[in-house]
N, C-alpha and C. Protein backbone atom coordinates (compact mmCIF):
# COMPACT_ATOMS: atom_id res chain seq x y z
N MET A 1 35.04 30.49 -45.66
CA MET A 1 34.97 29.74 -47.17
C MET A 1 35.68 28.21 -46.81
N GLY A 2 34.91 27.25 -47.55
CA GLY A 2 35.12 25.78 -47.33
C GLY A 2 35.85 25.19 -48.41
N PHE A 3 35.63 24.13 -48.74
CA PHE A 3 36.44 23.48 -50.22
C PHE A 3 36.09 24.16 -51.79
N GLU A 4 34.90 24.50 -51.87
CA GLU A 4 34.39 25.17 -52.81
C GLU A 4 34.89 25.94 -53.29
N SER A 5 35.11 27.15 -52.34
CA SER A 5 35.43 28.63 -52.43
C SER A 5 36.84 28.50 -53.18
N PHE A 6 37.58 27.28 -52.02
CA PHE A 6 38.75 26.98 -52.25
C PHE A 6 39.37 26.47 -53.85
N SER A 7 38.23 25.68 -54.30
CA SER A 7 38.59 25.33 -55.55
C SER A 7 38.34 26.35 -56.62
N LEU A 8 37.43 27.17 -56.72
CA LEU A 8 37.37 28.55 -57.51
C LEU A 8 38.47 29.52 -57.79
N GLN A 9 39.07 29.28 -56.34
CA GLN A 9 40.16 30.21 -56.22
C GLN A 9 41.41 29.90 -56.87
N GLN A 10 41.55 28.33 -57.11
CA GLN A 10 42.55 27.48 -57.53
C GLN A 10 42.77 28.08 -58.79
N ASN A 11 41.13 27.86 -59.64
CA ASN A 11 40.83 27.82 -61.01
C ASN A 11 41.29 29.31 -61.41
N LEU A 12 40.95 30.50 -60.55
CA LEU A 12 41.17 31.60 -60.96
C LEU A 12 43.02 31.90 -60.99
N ILE A 13 43.13 31.04 -60.01
CA ILE A 13 44.99 31.55 -60.07
C ILE A 13 45.67 30.77 -61.06
N LYS A 14 44.96 29.60 -61.59
CA LYS A 14 45.30 29.08 -62.87
C LYS A 14 45.41 29.82 -64.11
N ASN A 15 44.18 30.27 -64.31
CA ASN A 15 44.16 31.04 -65.25
C ASN A 15 44.02 32.38 -65.49
N THR A 16 44.95 32.98 -64.52
CA THR A 16 45.36 34.28 -64.65
C THR A 16 47.25 34.48 -65.20
N THR A 17 47.28 35.39 -65.54
CA THR A 17 48.80 35.42 -66.02
C THR A 17 49.61 36.66 -65.50
N PHE A 18 50.57 36.47 -64.61
CA PHE A 18 50.65 37.41 -63.86
C PHE A 18 52.03 37.91 -63.90
N THR A 19 52.13 39.35 -64.01
CA THR A 19 53.19 39.83 -64.64
C THR A 19 53.78 41.09 -63.19
N LYS A 20 54.73 41.21 -62.96
CA LYS A 20 55.31 42.28 -61.92
C LYS A 20 54.22 43.62 -62.37
N ASN A 21 54.30 43.99 -63.30
CA ASN A 21 54.28 45.59 -63.68
C ASN A 21 52.37 45.94 -63.42
N SER A 22 51.78 44.54 -63.94
CA SER A 22 50.67 45.17 -64.09
C SER A 22 49.90 44.78 -62.62
N GLY A 23 50.68 44.59 -62.10
CA GLY A 23 50.24 44.15 -60.30
C GLY A 23 49.43 42.79 -59.67
N ASP A 24 49.53 41.99 -60.72
CA ASP A 24 48.47 40.71 -60.74
C ASP A 24 49.12 39.92 -59.45
N PHE A 25 50.82 39.95 -59.94
CA PHE A 25 51.49 39.50 -58.38
C PHE A 25 51.27 39.50 -57.42
N ASP A 26 50.86 40.89 -57.18
CA ASP A 26 50.04 41.30 -55.30
C ASP A 26 48.44 40.50 -55.25
N ILE A 27 47.84 40.90 -56.11
CA ILE A 27 46.81 39.98 -56.13
C ILE A 27 46.78 38.70 -55.84
N PHE A 28 47.51 38.16 -56.57
CA PHE A 28 47.95 36.76 -56.79
C PHE A 28 48.54 36.21 -54.93
N MET A 29 49.41 37.16 -54.30
CA MET A 29 49.56 36.77 -53.25
C MET A 29 48.54 36.98 -52.24
N ALA A 30 48.21 37.96 -52.69
CA ALA A 30 46.89 38.39 -51.15
C ALA A 30 46.04 37.17 -51.43
N VAL A 31 44.95 36.57 -52.78
CA VAL A 31 44.52 35.67 -52.97
C VAL A 31 44.79 34.34 -52.02
N LEU A 32 46.41 34.18 -52.17
CA LEU A 32 47.07 32.61 -51.88
C LEU A 32 47.45 33.25 -50.17
N ASP A 33 47.17 34.16 -49.82
CA ASP A 33 47.57 34.58 -48.44
C ASP A 33 45.44 34.39 -47.53
N PHE A 34 45.22 34.64 -48.51
CA PHE A 34 43.65 34.72 -47.98
C PHE A 34 43.22 32.85 -48.02
N ASN A 35 43.73 32.25 -49.43
CA ASN A 35 43.54 30.90 -49.24
C ASN A 35 44.04 30.15 -47.84
N PHE A 36 45.26 30.75 -47.02
CA PHE A 36 46.23 30.10 -45.98
C PHE A 36 45.24 30.42 -44.99
N TYR A 37 44.94 31.49 -44.93
CA TYR A 37 43.91 31.81 -43.73
C TYR A 37 42.60 31.35 -43.83
N ASP A 38 42.16 30.84 -44.86
CA ASP A 38 40.61 30.28 -44.83
C ASP A 38 40.97 29.04 -44.30
N MET A 39 42.05 28.05 -44.67
CA MET A 39 42.45 26.97 -44.24
C MET A 39 42.49 26.85 -42.80
N ASN A 40 43.51 27.79 -42.29
CA ASN A 40 44.03 27.85 -41.12
C ASN A 40 42.76 28.10 -40.05
N LEU A 41 41.47 28.88 -40.70
CA LEU A 41 40.72 29.04 -39.83
C LEU A 41 39.73 27.94 -39.59
N SER A 42 40.07 27.13 -40.88
CA SER A 42 38.73 25.96 -40.88
C SER A 42 39.76 24.79 -39.95
N ILE A 43 40.96 24.69 -40.28
CA ILE A 43 41.81 23.98 -38.72
C ILE A 43 41.80 24.23 -37.53
N ALA A 44 41.54 25.47 -37.27
CA ALA A 44 41.34 26.11 -36.15
C ALA A 44 39.71 25.59 -35.31
N ILE A 45 39.20 25.88 -36.36
CA ILE A 45 37.56 25.61 -36.24
C ILE A 45 37.14 24.26 -35.56
N LYS A 46 38.39 23.36 -36.29
CA LYS A 46 37.60 21.84 -36.15
C LYS A 46 38.53 21.60 -34.77
N THR A 47 39.74 21.81 -34.60
CA THR A 47 40.58 21.86 -33.35
C THR A 47 39.48 22.07 -32.36
N LYS A 48 38.79 23.54 -32.64
CA LYS A 48 38.35 23.68 -31.17
C LYS A 48 37.72 22.79 -30.94
N THR A 49 36.27 22.32 -31.79
CA THR A 49 35.41 21.49 -31.82
C THR A 49 36.05 20.22 -31.49
N LEU A 50 37.01 19.75 -31.63
CA LEU A 50 37.04 18.46 -31.35
C LEU A 50 37.53 18.70 -29.88
N THR A 51 38.54 19.58 -29.39
CA THR A 51 38.83 19.81 -27.64
C THR A 51 37.50 19.92 -26.95
N VAL A 52 36.24 20.90 -27.69
CA VAL A 52 35.23 20.62 -26.78
C VAL A 52 34.69 19.86 -26.49
N PHE A 53 34.66 18.65 -27.74
CA PHE A 53 34.14 17.04 -27.50
C PHE A 53 34.70 16.46 -26.71
N MET A 54 36.10 16.62 -26.57
CA MET A 54 36.92 15.59 -25.92
C MET A 54 36.64 15.86 -24.24
N ILE A 55 36.50 17.62 -24.20
CA ILE A 55 36.20 17.95 -22.60
C ILE A 55 34.36 17.19 -21.93
N CYS A 56 34.13 17.58 -23.18
CA CYS A 56 32.57 16.82 -22.51
C CYS A 56 32.56 15.34 -22.37
N SER A 57 33.00 14.29 -23.24
CA SER A 57 33.02 13.19 -23.09
C SER A 57 33.93 13.06 -21.69
N LEU A 58 34.90 13.56 -21.38
CA LEU A 58 35.93 13.76 -20.04
C LEU A 58 34.70 13.82 -18.85
N LEU A 59 33.98 14.67 -19.06
CA LEU A 59 33.23 14.87 -18.36
C LEU A 59 32.45 14.57 -17.67
N SER A 60 31.57 13.64 -19.19
CA SER A 60 30.22 12.67 -18.75
C SER A 60 31.30 11.27 -18.33
N LEU A 61 32.27 11.14 -18.50
CA LEU A 61 32.94 10.06 -18.04
C LEU A 61 33.01 10.17 -16.53
N ALA A 62 33.38 11.35 -16.07
CA ALA A 62 33.69 11.21 -15.04
C ALA A 62 32.25 11.53 -14.08
N SER A 63 31.32 12.02 -14.66
CA SER A 63 30.07 12.11 -13.89
C SER A 63 29.38 10.49 -13.57
N PHE A 64 29.79 10.25 -14.37
CA PHE A 64 29.09 8.32 -15.03
C PHE A 64 30.05 7.67 -13.41
N THR A 65 31.14 7.98 -13.33
CA THR A 65 31.90 7.10 -12.40
C THR A 65 31.69 7.50 -11.35
N GLN A 66 31.81 8.96 -10.80
CA GLN A 66 31.26 9.49 -9.46
C GLN A 66 29.52 8.84 -9.08
N ASN A 67 28.83 8.76 -9.99
CA ASN A 67 27.34 8.19 -9.91
C ASN A 67 27.71 6.56 -9.26
N GLN A 68 28.16 5.62 -10.47
CA GLN A 68 28.84 4.39 -9.97
C GLN A 68 29.22 4.25 -8.64
N GLU A 69 30.18 5.13 -8.21
CA GLU A 69 30.68 5.50 -7.00
C GLU A 69 29.73 5.41 -5.74
N GLU A 70 28.90 6.58 -6.34
CA GLU A 70 27.67 7.08 -5.30
C GLU A 70 27.00 6.13 -4.74
N ASN A 71 26.30 5.16 -5.92
CA ASN A 71 25.57 3.94 -5.66
C ASN A 71 26.26 2.92 -4.81
N SER A 72 26.95 2.62 -5.43
CA SER A 72 28.10 1.63 -4.90
C SER A 72 27.97 1.69 -3.25
N GLN A 73 28.67 3.08 -2.86
CA GLN A 73 28.49 3.44 -1.40
C GLN A 73 27.39 3.07 -0.87
N PHE A 74 26.29 3.48 -1.86
CA PHE A 74 24.96 3.76 -0.82
C PHE A 74 24.64 2.17 -0.64
N TRP A 75 24.91 1.14 -1.49
CA TRP A 75 24.50 -0.39 -1.34
C TRP A 75 25.36 -0.62 -0.37
N ARG A 76 26.42 -0.38 0.00
CA ARG A 76 26.78 -1.01 0.89
C ARG A 76 26.53 -1.02 2.33
N HIS A 77 25.54 0.22 2.47
CA HIS A 77 24.83 0.29 4.01
C HIS A 77 23.65 -0.20 3.93
N VAL A 78 23.08 -0.99 3.14
CA VAL A 78 21.46 -1.33 2.82
C VAL A 78 21.62 -3.22 3.69
N ARG A 79 20.98 -3.07 4.44
CA ARG A 79 20.93 -4.44 5.01
C ARG A 79 19.66 -5.19 4.67
N PHE A 80 19.47 -6.61 4.54
CA PHE A 80 18.11 -7.01 4.19
C PHE A 80 18.09 -7.86 5.35
N GLY A 81 16.99 -8.16 5.63
CA GLY A 81 15.93 -9.09 6.85
C GLY A 81 14.82 -8.83 6.86
N GLY A 82 14.69 -8.65 8.48
CA GLY A 82 13.41 -8.86 8.84
C GLY A 82 13.17 -9.18 9.92
N GLY A 83 11.82 -9.70 10.18
CA GLY A 83 11.11 -10.10 11.09
C GLY A 83 10.37 -11.46 11.31
N LEU A 84 10.17 -12.27 12.71
CA LEU A 84 9.46 -13.16 13.01
C LEU A 84 8.82 -12.72 14.22
N GLY A 85 7.38 -13.18 14.10
CA GLY A 85 6.69 -12.72 15.17
C GLY A 85 5.71 -13.79 15.08
N LEU A 86 5.29 -14.16 16.61
CA LEU A 86 4.63 -15.55 17.18
C LEU A 86 4.29 -15.34 18.74
N SER A 87 2.96 -15.58 18.98
CA SER A 87 2.20 -15.29 19.75
C SER A 87 1.19 -16.05 20.07
N PHE A 88 0.68 -16.76 21.48
CA PHE A 88 0.30 -17.62 21.60
C PHE A 88 -0.68 -17.52 22.91
N GLY A 89 -1.66 -18.66 23.28
CA GLY A 89 -2.17 -18.48 24.66
C GLY A 89 -3.81 -18.82 24.74
N ASP A 90 -4.39 -19.13 25.47
CA ASP A 90 -5.51 -19.46 25.57
C ASP A 90 -6.51 -19.26 24.29
N GLY A 91 -5.92 -20.29 23.71
CA GLY A 91 -6.71 -20.90 22.12
C GLY A 91 -6.31 -19.29 21.27
N PHE A 92 -5.45 -18.94 21.32
CA PHE A 92 -5.12 -17.46 20.72
C PHE A 92 -3.75 -18.05 19.98
N PHE A 93 -3.79 -17.89 18.51
CA PHE A 93 -2.41 -18.29 17.80
C PHE A 93 -2.30 -16.71 16.61
N SER A 94 -1.12 -16.46 16.95
CA SER A 94 -0.47 -15.05 15.74
C SER A 94 0.76 -15.60 15.52
N ALA A 95 0.87 -15.65 14.30
CA ALA A 95 2.50 -15.86 13.22
C ALA A 95 2.47 -14.59 12.23
N SER A 96 3.63 -14.13 12.51
CA SER A 96 3.73 -13.36 11.52
C SER A 96 4.99 -13.12 10.72
N LEU A 97 5.23 -12.62 9.22
CA LEU A 97 6.46 -12.84 8.47
C LEU A 97 6.59 -11.37 8.18
N ALA A 98 7.62 -10.75 8.26
CA ALA A 98 7.96 -9.05 7.95
C ALA A 98 9.40 -8.80 7.23
N PRO A 99 9.29 -8.86 6.39
CA PRO A 99 10.64 -8.89 5.39
C PRO A 99 10.85 -7.40 5.47
N SER A 100 12.45 -6.40 5.36
CA SER A 100 12.12 -5.42 5.76
C SER A 100 13.88 -5.13 5.09
N ALA A 101 14.07 -3.91 4.86
CA ALA A 101 15.61 -3.58 4.54
C ALA A 101 15.84 -2.29 5.31
N ILE A 102 16.88 -2.24 5.79
CA ILE A 102 17.51 -0.73 6.48
C ILE A 102 18.89 0.03 5.82
N TYR A 103 18.69 1.09 6.06
CA TYR A 103 19.81 1.68 5.56
C TYR A 103 21.02 2.02 7.29
N GLN A 104 21.81 1.79 7.11
CA GLN A 104 22.44 1.81 8.36
C GLN A 104 23.61 2.79 7.92
N PHE A 105 23.00 4.13 8.75
CA PHE A 105 23.64 5.21 9.21
C PHE A 105 25.02 4.95 10.09
N GLU A 106 25.73 6.00 10.60
CA GLU A 106 26.76 6.18 11.14
C GLU A 106 26.19 5.54 12.48
N ALA A 107 27.29 4.20 12.57
CA ALA A 107 26.84 3.12 13.97
C ALA A 107 26.57 4.48 15.29
N PRO A 108 25.11 3.64 16.04
CA PRO A 108 24.44 3.05 16.20
C PRO A 108 23.01 3.07 15.08
N PHE A 109 23.08 3.81 14.34
CA PHE A 109 21.77 4.49 13.98
C PHE A 109 21.32 3.59 12.39
N ALA A 110 20.13 3.12 12.21
CA ALA A 110 19.89 2.50 11.32
C ALA A 110 18.12 2.90 10.96
N LEU A 111 17.51 3.24 10.01
CA LEU A 111 16.33 3.24 9.45
C LEU A 111 15.98 2.65 8.41
N GLY A 112 14.87 2.05 8.54
CA GLY A 112 14.01 0.98 7.17
C GLY A 112 12.53 0.99 6.81
N VAL A 113 12.33 0.21 5.88
CA VAL A 113 11.05 -0.15 5.75
C VAL A 113 10.95 -1.48 5.64
N GLY A 114 9.46 -1.80 5.71
CA GLY A 114 9.71 -3.31 5.53
C GLY A 114 7.87 -3.73 5.18
N LEU A 115 7.48 -4.60 4.97
CA LEU A 115 6.20 -5.44 4.81
C LEU A 115 5.84 -6.42 5.88
N ASN A 116 4.32 -6.57 6.27
CA ASN A 116 3.82 -7.46 7.10
C ASN A 116 2.83 -8.53 6.56
N GLY A 117 3.20 -9.70 6.94
CA GLY A 117 1.93 -10.58 6.29
C GLY A 117 1.56 -11.30 8.08
N THR A 118 1.00 -11.37 7.87
CA THR A 118 0.39 -12.25 9.78
C THR A 118 -0.97 -12.74 9.33
N TYR A 119 -1.48 -13.81 10.30
CA TYR A 119 -2.42 -14.38 10.35
C TYR A 119 -2.51 -14.93 11.64
N ASN A 120 -3.62 -14.74 12.27
CA ASN A 120 -4.30 -15.08 13.52
C ASN A 120 -5.47 -15.86 13.66
N SER A 121 -5.43 -16.58 14.84
CA SER A 121 -6.71 -17.39 15.40
C SER A 121 -6.69 -17.49 16.47
N LEU A 122 -8.17 -17.61 16.66
CA LEU A 122 -8.82 -17.31 18.10
C LEU A 122 -10.35 -19.09 18.19
N LYS A 123 -9.43 -19.97 18.52
CA LYS A 123 -10.25 -20.99 18.74
C LYS A 123 -12.25 -20.56 18.85
N ASN A 124 -12.54 -21.16 17.77
CA ASN A 124 -14.37 -21.40 17.73
C ASN A 124 -14.60 -19.75 18.06
N ALA A 125 -13.61 -18.57 17.28
CA ALA A 125 -13.87 -16.75 17.58
C ALA A 125 -14.46 -16.62 15.89
N TYR A 126 -12.55 -16.41 15.63
CA TYR A 126 -12.49 -15.89 14.39
C TYR A 126 -11.37 -16.54 13.86
N SER A 127 -10.83 -15.97 12.31
CA SER A 127 -9.44 -16.20 11.48
C SER A 127 -9.58 -15.01 11.39
N SER A 128 -8.30 -14.44 11.15
CA SER A 128 -7.58 -12.92 10.11
C SER A 128 -5.95 -13.37 9.33
N THR A 129 -6.56 -12.77 8.37
CA THR A 129 -5.01 -12.75 7.89
C THR A 129 -5.15 -10.70 7.68
N ILE A 130 -3.69 -10.40 7.29
CA ILE A 130 -3.12 -9.53 7.37
C ILE A 130 -1.91 -8.97 6.59
N PHE A 131 -2.18 -7.75 5.95
CA PHE A 131 -1.46 -7.04 5.15
C PHE A 131 -1.37 -5.66 5.05
N GLY A 132 0.49 -5.25 5.33
CA GLY A 132 0.40 -4.05 5.24
C GLY A 132 2.30 -3.39 5.24
N GLY A 133 2.11 -2.42 6.12
CA GLY A 133 3.60 -2.12 5.67
C GLY A 133 4.08 -1.38 7.04
N SER A 134 5.25 -0.97 7.13
CA SER A 134 5.93 -0.47 8.18
C SER A 134 7.00 0.67 7.89
N ILE A 135 7.32 1.25 8.84
CA ILE A 135 8.33 1.79 9.17
C ILE A 135 9.20 1.84 10.45
N ILE A 136 10.54 1.22 10.54
CA ILE A 136 11.16 1.17 11.41
C ILE A 136 12.67 1.86 11.77
N GLY A 137 13.04 2.12 13.24
CA GLY A 137 14.22 2.78 13.53
C GLY A 137 14.89 2.12 14.40
N LEU A 138 16.16 1.90 14.08
CA LEU A 138 16.99 1.04 15.14
C LEU A 138 17.66 1.76 15.86
N PHE A 139 18.11 1.53 17.21
CA PHE A 139 19.07 2.07 17.68
C PHE A 139 19.95 1.11 18.57
N ASN A 140 21.12 1.32 18.46
CA ASN A 140 22.16 0.04 19.18
C ASN A 140 22.84 1.26 20.44
N PRO A 141 22.56 1.33 21.95
CA PRO A 141 23.57 1.98 22.39
C PRO A 141 25.26 1.29 22.92
N ILE A 142 24.48 -0.38 22.65
CA ILE A 142 26.15 -1.14 23.01
C ILE A 142 25.51 -2.21 21.62
N ASN A 143 26.59 -2.86 21.29
CA ASN A 143 26.71 -3.98 20.71
C ASN A 143 25.27 -5.06 20.85
N GLU A 144 25.03 -5.23 22.07
CA GLU A 144 24.54 -6.02 22.67
C GLU A 144 23.05 -5.50 22.56
N ILE A 145 22.47 -4.83 23.01
CA ILE A 145 21.71 -4.33 23.06
C ILE A 145 20.83 -3.60 21.76
N GLN A 146 19.35 -3.89 21.28
CA GLN A 146 18.91 -2.65 20.03
C GLN A 146 18.05 -2.23 21.13
N LEU A 147 17.50 -1.20 20.84
CA LEU A 147 16.50 -0.25 20.98
C LEU A 147 15.40 -0.25 19.49
N SER A 148 13.82 -0.27 19.56
CA SER A 148 13.50 -0.26 18.08
C SER A 148 12.15 0.78 18.95
N ALA A 149 11.66 1.79 17.86
CA ALA A 149 10.43 1.93 17.49
C ALA A 149 9.84 1.76 15.64
N GLU A 150 8.72 1.27 15.81
CA GLU A 150 8.26 0.95 14.51
C GLU A 150 7.07 0.98 14.49
N PHE A 151 6.48 1.87 13.28
CA PHE A 151 4.98 2.33 13.31
C PHE A 151 4.42 1.31 12.02
N GLU A 152 3.67 0.35 12.38
CA GLU A 152 2.98 -0.20 11.46
C GLU A 152 0.88 0.46 10.66
N GLU A 153 0.76 0.13 9.53
CA GLU A 153 -0.21 0.43 9.10
C GLU A 153 -0.56 -1.22 8.71
N LEU A 154 -1.92 -1.58 8.71
CA LEU A 154 -2.24 -3.08 8.54
C LEU A 154 -3.70 -2.98 8.25
N ASN A 155 -3.60 -3.86 7.11
CA ASN A 155 -5.28 -4.08 6.45
C ASN A 155 -5.66 -5.03 7.38
N VAL A 156 -6.72 -5.48 8.22
CA VAL A 156 -7.40 -6.69 8.80
C VAL A 156 -8.51 -6.96 7.60
N ASN A 157 -8.36 -8.09 7.66
CA ASN A 157 -9.34 -8.96 7.38
C ASN A 157 -10.14 -10.50 8.21
N ARG A 158 -10.89 -9.72 8.70
CA ARG A 158 -10.92 -11.12 9.62
C ARG A 158 -12.50 -11.59 9.61
N LYS A 159 -12.59 -12.98 9.81
CA LYS A 159 -14.09 -14.15 9.68
C LYS A 159 -14.59 -14.66 10.95
N PHE A 160 -15.59 -14.17 11.14
CA PHE A 160 -16.08 -15.04 12.88
C PHE A 160 -16.49 -16.50 12.20
N ASP A 161 -16.78 -16.73 13.12
CA ASP A 161 -17.24 -18.01 13.58
C ASP A 161 -18.78 -18.29 13.73
N SER A 162 -19.44 -17.24 13.75
CA SER A 162 -20.71 -16.68 14.51
C SER A 162 -21.51 -16.12 13.33
N GLU A 163 -22.67 -16.72 13.63
CA GLU A 163 -23.53 -15.74 12.45
C GLU A 163 -24.08 -14.38 12.77
N ILE A 164 -23.80 -14.42 14.20
CA ILE A 164 -24.35 -13.19 14.90
C ILE A 164 -23.40 -12.02 14.19
N LEU A 165 -22.19 -12.31 14.58
CA LEU A 165 -21.66 -11.24 14.03
C LEU A 165 -21.09 -11.04 12.49
N ASN A 166 -20.37 -10.28 12.02
CA ASN A 166 -20.45 -9.66 10.96
C ASN A 166 -18.96 -9.38 10.19
N ASP A 167 -18.30 -10.10 9.26
CA ASP A 167 -16.98 -10.57 9.11
C ASP A 167 -16.28 -8.64 8.65
N GLU A 168 -15.08 -8.77 9.07
CA GLU A 168 -14.37 -7.17 8.96
C GLU A 168 -13.44 -7.03 8.38
N ASN A 169 -13.29 -5.93 7.57
CA ASN A 169 -12.12 -5.42 7.08
C ASN A 169 -11.94 -3.82 7.49
N TYR A 170 -10.59 -3.71 7.59
CA TYR A 170 -10.49 -2.36 8.36
C TYR A 170 -8.79 -1.89 8.14
N TRP A 171 -8.50 -0.87 8.57
CA TRP A 171 -7.09 -0.47 8.87
C TRP A 171 -7.15 -0.26 9.84
N TYR A 172 -5.59 -0.91 10.70
CA TYR A 172 -5.42 -0.44 11.74
C TYR A 172 -3.79 0.11 12.25
N PRO A 173 -3.69 1.10 12.72
CA PRO A 173 -2.17 1.50 13.08
C PRO A 173 -1.91 0.91 14.26
N ALA A 174 -0.52 0.74 14.39
CA ALA A 174 0.20 0.11 15.54
C ALA A 174 1.38 0.99 15.85
N LEU A 175 1.67 1.64 16.87
CA LEU A 175 3.01 2.50 17.01
C LEU A 175 3.92 1.18 18.31
N PHE A 176 5.00 0.48 17.92
CA PHE A 176 5.43 -0.41 18.71
C PHE A 176 6.94 0.35 19.11
N VAL A 177 7.43 0.24 20.33
CA VAL A 177 8.71 0.49 21.12
C VAL A 177 9.26 -0.85 21.77
N GLY A 178 10.49 -1.34 21.17
CA GLY A 178 10.82 -2.20 21.42
C GLY A 178 12.11 -2.84 22.15
N VAL A 179 13.02 -3.78 22.85
CA VAL A 179 14.15 -4.02 23.12
C VAL A 179 14.29 -5.09 22.96
N GLY A 180 15.80 -5.11 22.49
CA GLY A 180 15.96 -6.76 22.31
C GLY A 180 17.39 -6.91 22.52
N TYR A 181 18.17 -7.99 22.41
CA TYR A 181 19.30 -8.83 22.75
C TYR A 181 20.12 -9.29 21.14
N SER A 182 20.77 -8.49 21.21
CA SER A 182 21.52 -8.77 19.61
C SER A 182 22.76 -9.74 19.85
N SER A 183 22.70 -10.68 18.65
CA SER A 183 23.61 -10.85 18.83
C SER A 183 24.28 -11.43 17.49
N LYS A 184 25.28 -10.89 16.63
CA LYS A 184 25.87 -10.60 15.45
C LYS A 184 24.60 -10.26 14.98
N ASN A 185 23.84 -11.16 13.45
CA ASN A 185 23.07 -10.59 12.87
C ASN A 185 21.33 -10.80 13.34
N VAL A 186 21.44 -11.06 14.56
CA VAL A 186 20.03 -11.78 15.07
C VAL A 186 19.63 -10.91 16.32
N THR A 187 18.52 -10.84 16.41
CA THR A 187 17.91 -9.68 17.67
C THR A 187 16.88 -10.81 17.98
N PHE A 188 16.65 -10.82 19.73
CA PHE A 188 15.58 -11.43 20.01
C PHE A 188 15.14 -10.58 21.07
N GLY A 189 13.84 -9.96 21.37
CA GLY A 189 13.02 -9.13 21.94
C GLY A 189 11.58 -9.18 22.33
N ILE A 190 11.26 -8.10 22.51
CA ILE A 190 9.77 -7.85 23.04
C ILE A 190 9.78 -6.48 22.49
N ARG A 191 8.03 -6.24 21.89
CA ARG A 191 7.69 -4.52 21.80
C ARG A 191 6.52 -4.67 22.61
N TYR A 192 6.30 -3.44 22.89
CA TYR A 192 4.85 -3.12 23.33
C TYR A 192 4.32 -2.02 21.98
N ASP A 193 3.02 -2.35 21.84
CA ASP A 193 1.70 -1.21 21.15
C ASP A 193 1.57 -0.42 21.91
N LEU A 194 2.19 0.72 21.62
CA LEU A 194 1.05 2.29 22.80
C LEU A 194 0.32 2.50 22.05
N LEU A 195 -0.37 1.96 20.28
CA LEU A 195 -1.79 2.32 20.27
C LEU A 195 -3.03 1.12 20.37
N TYR A 196 -2.51 0.40 21.15
CA TYR A 196 -3.29 -1.15 21.45
C TYR A 196 -4.54 -0.69 21.79
N ASP A 197 -5.76 -1.53 20.56
CA ASP A 197 -7.13 -1.52 21.00
C ASP A 197 -7.68 -2.93 20.68
N LYS A 198 -7.87 -3.24 21.94
CA LYS A 198 -8.45 -5.17 22.14
C LYS A 198 -9.30 -5.44 21.20
N ASP A 199 -9.62 -4.42 20.33
CA ASP A 199 -11.28 -5.15 20.01
C ASP A 199 -10.16 -4.96 18.32
N LYS A 200 -9.84 -3.94 18.14
CA LYS A 200 -9.12 -3.80 16.56
C LYS A 200 -7.70 -4.69 16.11
N SER A 201 -6.78 -4.41 17.47
CA SER A 201 -5.64 -5.09 17.15
C SER A 201 -5.47 -6.74 16.86
N ILE A 202 -4.86 -7.02 16.20
CA ILE A 202 -4.33 -8.04 15.47
C ILE A 202 -3.46 -8.96 16.81
N TYR A 203 -3.31 -8.48 17.77
CA TYR A 203 -2.72 -9.29 18.82
C TYR A 203 -3.14 -9.31 20.29
N ILE A 204 -3.58 -10.49 20.79
CA ILE A 204 -4.66 -10.89 21.86
C ILE A 204 -4.07 -9.78 23.42
N ASP A 205 -2.72 -9.18 23.14
CA ASP A 205 -1.67 -8.25 24.00
C ASP A 205 -0.92 -7.60 23.54
N PRO A 206 -0.51 -6.00 24.13
CA PRO A 206 0.31 -5.22 23.95
C PRO A 206 1.69 -5.62 24.00
N PHE A 207 1.99 -6.63 24.55
CA PHE A 207 3.45 -7.02 24.37
C PHE A 207 3.13 -8.02 23.22
N VAL A 208 4.73 -8.01 22.80
CA VAL A 208 4.68 -9.18 21.54
C VAL A 208 5.97 -9.16 21.38
N PRO A 209 6.58 -10.60 21.69
CA PRO A 209 7.82 -10.94 21.33
C PRO A 209 8.11 -11.12 19.83
N PHE A 210 9.46 -10.86 19.23
CA PHE A 210 10.21 -10.47 18.15
C PHE A 210 11.13 -11.10 18.00
N VAL A 211 11.46 -11.67 16.58
CA VAL A 211 12.95 -12.27 16.22
C VAL A 211 13.08 -11.47 15.54
N ARG A 212 14.57 -10.84 14.86
CA ARG A 212 14.91 -9.98 13.82
C ARG A 212 16.21 -10.08 13.53
N PHE A 213 15.64 -9.97 12.05
CA PHE A 213 17.79 -10.58 11.21
C PHE A 213 18.07 -9.61 10.61
N TYR A 214 19.15 -9.11 10.16
CA TYR A 214 19.32 -8.11 9.37
C TYR A 214 21.09 -8.80 9.02
N PHE A 215 21.33 -8.87 7.42
CA PHE A 215 22.58 -9.07 6.84
C PHE A 215 23.23 -8.52 6.03
């Protein structure tokens, strides 16, 4: 029963003459008791509703706080950086820039992803631009030594300086294993392409020096 029923009962009480002999007094007490029961029930419902609302609010706040803490913990393990590549010899030149990000697991493991942009040229033969991505895993058995494994998938756009050869555009996979010397956030080393194909590789040699850094 709500506010409207309570008002109707008040009017009924006001317009009723009570006598002990007629039993009207008992009716009055019963109505009065029922009114108090209705009010107590309404208060109890509102109290329970408020309690449930407060509990839900506290749970939502706790969940939000936990998510924020988890996100904060995650980003504390993320390091940004990448690598620089340089290769040249006998009229060949190659330079690459590879920004990447890694997640540092429990030392000494790390896993990450990266992008690769490379320019190559062979004098009087061809030039090429390369774009693609990579997945890299790092392992430091000791602080100074870093072992790496990296898979690249690159799109090669090659233009020849000869009218006999047609320009090329193709995808080329490379799987590198490498070793380097680390000093703080920088690693100098060399890597070897296990899938090296001299006709399609963007490098003139399967051995490629690199500089890798993460902060």
